[in-house]
């Protein structure tokens, strides 16, 4: 007889089980993705794949409920011309998440752990300013972790480069088209402006890529993913509460 591990996804549970779980644990993991272009070699939901995988694995490991993924975020300037992309304004993303968390807080959730894998400045800021009455909101930007020891390109600002491509080769190799991967280098200062949303459009010549995706591998992706998981474990799920840290 096959046995399966218990799911902690809200979308898999009846409300009665969710209510019962809230008597023991009032945390909720909320993965926030994006529907943005990631070059010709990765799907438009590449960042969402990473956020959802982290949310799923942490949810199962620590027995914490997780919400369905919020699949849209704030995209880089100029991405609307790339077929299939769809983004929100920062205020729209902020308001939508605020409303969702407010509703869950009224039901008894007291801590929200939002996980995203999109270092685009306006996207990160929209999530970082979310608030919920009588509930704590913690924001995890998975790709802001220092990953330079794991990559050959040095770990500078990138978009659909070595890091994200490696993560997808580890998590979803079936959707990666490495034969279409093309490198596109950019000086670090300009790359930071690009990722931060300070350039008016995506630089021409890279087909939406900044970085070196041809250096990616599934082995690197596995190491990067485990490193990110461990950082989140230690800082969010294992570390003592803020009150204890301040004493």
Protein backbone atom coordinates (compact mmCIF):
# COMPACT_ATOMS: atom_id res chain seq x y z
CA UNK A 1 0.00 0.00 0.00
CA UNK A 2 1.40 3.38 -1.04
CA UNK A 3 1.67 6.08 1.59
CA UNK A 4 2.02 9.77 0.90
CA UNK A 5 3.23 12.52 3.19
CA UNK A 6 0.66 14.94 4.51
CA UNK A 7 0.14 18.09 2.46
CA UNK A 8 0.19 21.49 4.14
CA UNK A 9 -1.07 23.34 1.07
CA UNK A 10 -4.28 25.30 1.71
CA UNK A 11 -5.54 24.27 -1.71
CA UNK A 12 -5.34 20.59 -0.67
CA UNK A 13 -7.18 20.93 2.65
CA UNK A 14 -10.79 21.49 3.72
CA UNK A 15 -11.38 24.53 5.90
CA UNK A 16 -12.05 22.35 8.95
CA UNK A 17 -8.52 20.90 8.82
CA UNK A 18 -7.04 24.36 8.35
CA UNK A 19 -8.96 25.62 11.39
CA UNK A 20 -7.74 22.66 13.44
CA UNK A 21 -4.15 23.31 12.35
CA UNK A 22 -4.45 26.94 13.45
CA UNK A 23 -4.96 25.79 17.04
CA UNK A 24 -1.39 24.42 16.90
CA UNK A 25 0.48 26.65 14.46
CA UNK A 26 -0.60 30.05 13.13
CA UNK A 27 2.08 30.58 10.47
CA UNK A 28 1.48 30.73 6.72
CA UNK A 29 4.05 30.59 3.93
CA UNK A 30 3.08 32.73 0.93
CA UNK A 31 5.09 32.17 -2.28
CA UNK A 32 5.10 35.20 -4.60
CA UNK A 33 6.15 34.58 -8.18
CA UNK A 34 6.28 36.53 -11.42
CA UNK A 35 5.23 36.06 -15.01
CA UNK A 36 8.27 37.67 -16.62
CA UNK A 37 10.55 36.79 -19.49
CA UNK A 38 13.71 34.93 -18.57
CA UNK A 39 15.44 34.79 -21.91
CA UNK A 40 14.82 32.32 -24.73
CA UNK A 41 15.97 29.34 -22.67
CA UNK A 42 13.79 29.58 -19.52
CA UNK A 43 9.99 29.74 -19.04
CA UNK A 44 8.27 33.00 -18.09
CA UNK A 45 7.48 31.42 -14.73
CA UNK A 46 11.10 30.60 -13.83
CA UNK A 47 11.14 32.71 -10.67
CA UNK A 48 7.79 31.29 -9.63
CA UNK A 49 9.21 27.75 -9.90
CA UNK A 50 11.90 28.60 -7.37
CA UNK A 51 9.57 30.37 -4.92
CA UNK A 52 7.03 27.53 -5.07
CA UNK A 53 9.67 24.84 -4.55
CA UNK A 54 11.10 26.60 -1.51
CA UNK A 55 7.63 27.13 -0.05
CA UNK A 56 6.70 23.48 -0.61
CA UNK A 57 9.89 22.05 0.89
CA UNK A 58 9.89 24.34 3.94
CA UNK A 59 6.18 23.73 4.48
CA UNK A 60 6.68 19.97 4.52
CA UNK A 61 9.82 20.08 6.64
CA UNK A 62 8.42 22.32 9.38
CA UNK A 63 4.73 21.44 9.19
CA UNK A 64 3.69 24.98 8.27
CA UNK A 65 0.68 25.76 6.09
CA UNK A 66 1.32 27.35 2.72
CA UNK A 67 -0.93 29.35 0.44
CA UNK A 68 -1.41 28.94 -3.30
CA UNK A 69 1.30 30.86 -5.17
CA UNK A 70 0.64 34.46 -6.15
CA UNK A 71 1.89 34.13 -9.72
CA UNK A 72 2.33 37.78 -10.75
CA UNK A 73 4.85 40.39 -9.68
CA UNK A 74 6.47 43.62 -10.82
CA UNK A 75 8.41 43.09 -14.03
CA UNK A 76 11.48 44.79 -15.40
CA UNK A 77 10.92 47.87 -17.60
CA UNK A 78 10.20 46.98 -21.19
CA UNK A 79 9.19 43.38 -20.57
CA UNK A 80 5.66 43.93 -21.89
CA UNK A 81 6.99 43.45 -25.44
CA UNK A 82 7.98 39.86 -24.63
CA UNK A 83 5.14 37.46 -25.47
CA UNK A 84 3.39 35.91 -22.50
CA UNK A 85 4.73 38.26 -19.85
CA UNK A 86 2.28 39.94 -17.49
CA UNK A 87 3.14 42.20 -14.59
CA UNK A 88 1.58 44.44 -11.98
CA UNK A 89 2.40 47.94 -10.82
CA UNK A 90 4.15 48.01 -7.42
CA UNK A 91 1.09 49.58 -5.75
CA UNK A 92 -1.16 46.89 -7.22
CA UNK A 93 1.04 44.04 -6.00
CA UNK A 94 1.32 45.67 -2.57
CA UNK A 95 -2.43 46.18 -2.28
CA UNK A 96 -3.33 42.69 -3.50
CA UNK A 97 -1.02 40.99 -1.03
CA UNK A 98 -2.11 43.31 1.76
CA UNK A 99 -5.75 42.36 1.20
CA UNK A 100 -4.97 38.64 1.11
CA UNK A 101 -2.92 38.75 4.30
CA UNK A 102 -5.53 40.90 6.05
CA UNK A 103 -8.17 38.27 5.33
CA UNK A 104 -6.01 35.44 6.61
CA UNK A 105 -5.08 37.47 9.70
CA UNK A 106 -8.77 37.84 10.55
CA UNK A 107 -9.01 34.02 10.49
CA UNK A 108 -6.26 33.66 13.06
CA UNK A 109 -2.95 33.54 11.20
CA UNK A 110 -0.38 35.54 13.15
CA UNK A 111 2.77 35.18 11.06
CA UNK A 112 3.25 35.34 7.29
CA UNK A 113 6.43 34.24 5.55
CA UNK A 114 6.47 35.58 2.00
CA UNK A 115 9.00 33.94 -0.31
CA UNK A 116 9.95 35.39 -3.67
CA UNK A 117 12.80 34.81 -6.14
CA UNK A 118 12.88 38.15 -7.92
CA UNK A 119 15.49 40.75 -6.97
CA UNK A 120 13.94 43.46 -9.18
CA UNK A 121 13.92 46.49 -6.88
CA UNK A 122 10.29 47.68 -7.25
CA UNK A 123 9.04 44.08 -6.88
CA UNK A 124 11.02 43.55 -3.68
CA UNK A 125 9.96 46.92 -2.25
CA UNK A 126 6.27 46.25 -2.89
CA UNK A 127 6.50 43.05 -0.84
CA UNK A 128 8.78 44.46 1.85
CA UNK A 129 6.21 47.10 2.81
CA UNK A 130 3.31 44.68 3.36
CA UNK A 131 1.67 44.93 6.78
CA UNK A 132 -1.04 42.94 8.57
CA UNK A 133 -2.90 43.91 11.75
CA UNK A 134 -1.88 41.77 14.75
CA UNK A 135 0.35 39.62 12.53
CA UNK A 136 4.04 39.53 11.74
CA UNK A 137 5.13 39.67 8.08
CA UNK A 138 8.53 38.26 7.18
CA UNK A 139 9.91 38.72 3.67
CA UNK A 140 12.36 36.26 2.12
CA UNK A 141 14.07 37.26 -1.13
CA UNK A 142 15.67 33.96 -2.04
CA UNK A 143 18.08 35.28 -4.66
CA UNK A 144 19.48 38.04 -2.44
CA UNK A 145 21.64 35.46 -0.64
CA UNK A 146 25.35 35.68 -1.47
CA UNK A 147 25.83 32.90 -3.99
CA UNK A 148 29.22 33.94 -5.38
CA UNK A 149 31.01 30.85 -3.97
CA UNK A 150 28.81 28.62 -6.11
CA UNK A 151 29.06 30.33 -9.49
CA UNK A 152 31.83 30.89 -12.01
CA UNK A 153 30.49 34.27 -13.10
CA UNK A 154 31.20 35.79 -9.67
CA UNK A 155 27.65 36.21 -8.40
CA UNK A 156 27.02 39.75 -9.69
CA UNK A 157 23.62 41.14 -10.74
CA UNK A 158 21.98 39.00 -13.40
CA UNK A 159 18.66 38.15 -14.98
CA UNK A 160 18.12 34.59 -16.24
CA UNK A 161 21.84 34.02 -15.89
CA UNK A 162 23.93 31.30 -14.26
CA UNK A 163 22.07 31.20 -10.93
CA UNK A 164 18.47 31.03 -12.11
CA UNK A 165 19.33 28.71 -14.99
CA UNK A 166 21.16 26.35 -12.62
CA UNK A 167 18.20 26.36 -10.22
CA UNK A 168 15.80 25.46 -13.02
CA UNK A 169 18.12 22.72 -14.28
CA UNK A 170 17.88 21.26 -10.77
CA UNK A 171 14.16 21.84 -10.12
CA UNK A 172 12.57 21.66 -13.59
CA UNK A 173 15.05 20.40 -16.19
CA UNK A 174 12.15 19.54 -18.49
CA UNK A 175 11.42 23.24 -19.15
CA UNK A 176 15.00 24.43 -19.75
CA UNK A 177 16.23 24.87 -23.35
CA UNK A 178 20.00 25.00 -22.91
CA UNK A 179 20.54 24.89 -26.67
CA UNK A 180 18.98 28.38 -26.76
CA UNK A 181 21.00 29.86 -23.87
CA UNK A 182 23.11 32.87 -24.81
CA UNK A 183 25.48 34.84 -22.57
CA UNK A 184 25.19 38.61 -22.32
CA UNK A 185 27.69 40.40 -20.13
CA UNK A 186 27.19 43.84 -18.62
CA UNK A 187 29.38 45.93 -16.34
CA UNK A 188 28.36 45.52 -12.66
CA UNK A 189 27.19 49.13 -12.19
CA UNK A 190 24.88 49.00 -15.21
CA UNK A 191 23.70 45.51 -14.25
CA UNK A 192 22.68 46.79 -10.80
CA UNK A 193 20.70 49.61 -12.40
CA UNK A 194 19.05 47.11 -14.72
CA UNK A 195 18.01 44.73 -11.94
CA UNK A 196 16.95 47.67 -9.78
CA UNK A 197 14.61 48.95 -12.47
CA UNK A 198 16.59 52.12 -13.11
CA UNK A 199 17.09 51.52 -16.83
CA UNK A 200 14.17 52.47 -19.11
CA UNK A 201 14.26 49.19 -21.02
CA UNK A 202 15.96 45.83 -21.28
CA UNK A 203 19.35 46.27 -22.98
CA UNK A 204 19.31 45.11 -26.62
CA UNK A 205 21.45 42.18 -27.71
CA UNK A 206 20.84 39.75 -24.90
CA UNK A 207 17.30 38.59 -25.76
CA UNK A 208 16.28 39.48 -22.20
CA UNK A 209 19.29 37.88 -20.51
CA UNK A 210 21.91 39.54 -18.34
CA UNK A 211 24.62 37.13 -17.22
CA UNK A 212 26.08 33.80 -18.26
CA UNK A 213 23.48 31.02 -18.44
CA UNK A 214 25.82 28.75 -20.43
CA UNK A 215 27.82 28.28 -17.22
CA UNK A 216 24.78 26.75 -15.48
CA UNK A 217 24.48 23.13 -14.41
CA UNK A 218 22.08 20.97 -12.44
CA UNK A 219 24.86 20.21 -9.94
CA UNK A 220 25.33 23.91 -9.26
CA UNK A 221 21.58 24.32 -9.01
CA UNK A 222 21.34 21.62 -6.34
CA UNK A 223 24.10 23.24 -4.27
CA UNK A 224 22.60 26.72 -4.65
CA UNK A 225 19.12 25.50 -3.75
CA UNK A 226 20.31 23.70 -0.61
CA UNK A 227 22.31 26.76 0.45
CA UNK A 228 19.25 29.00 0.08
CA UNK A 229 17.10 26.48 1.96
CA UNK A 230 19.60 26.31 4.80
CA UNK A 231 19.76 30.10 5.12
CA UNK A 232 15.96 30.31 5.32
CA UNK A 233 15.83 27.43 7.82
CA UNK A 234 18.30 29.13 10.13
CA UNK A 235 17.01 32.69 9.90
CA UNK A 236 13.26 32.09 9.75
CA UNK A 237 12.36 28.69 11.16
CA UNK A 238 15.15 27.77 13.58
CA UNK A 239 16.43 31.10 14.91
CA UNK A 240 14.83 32.32 18.19
CA UNK A 241 12.11 34.99 18.00
CA UNK A 242 13.16 38.63 17.65
CA UNK A 243 12.34 39.29 21.32
CA UNK A 244 14.89 36.68 22.39
CA UNK A 245 17.54 37.98 19.99
CA UNK A 246 17.25 41.49 21.41
CA UNK A 247 17.74 40.47 25.04
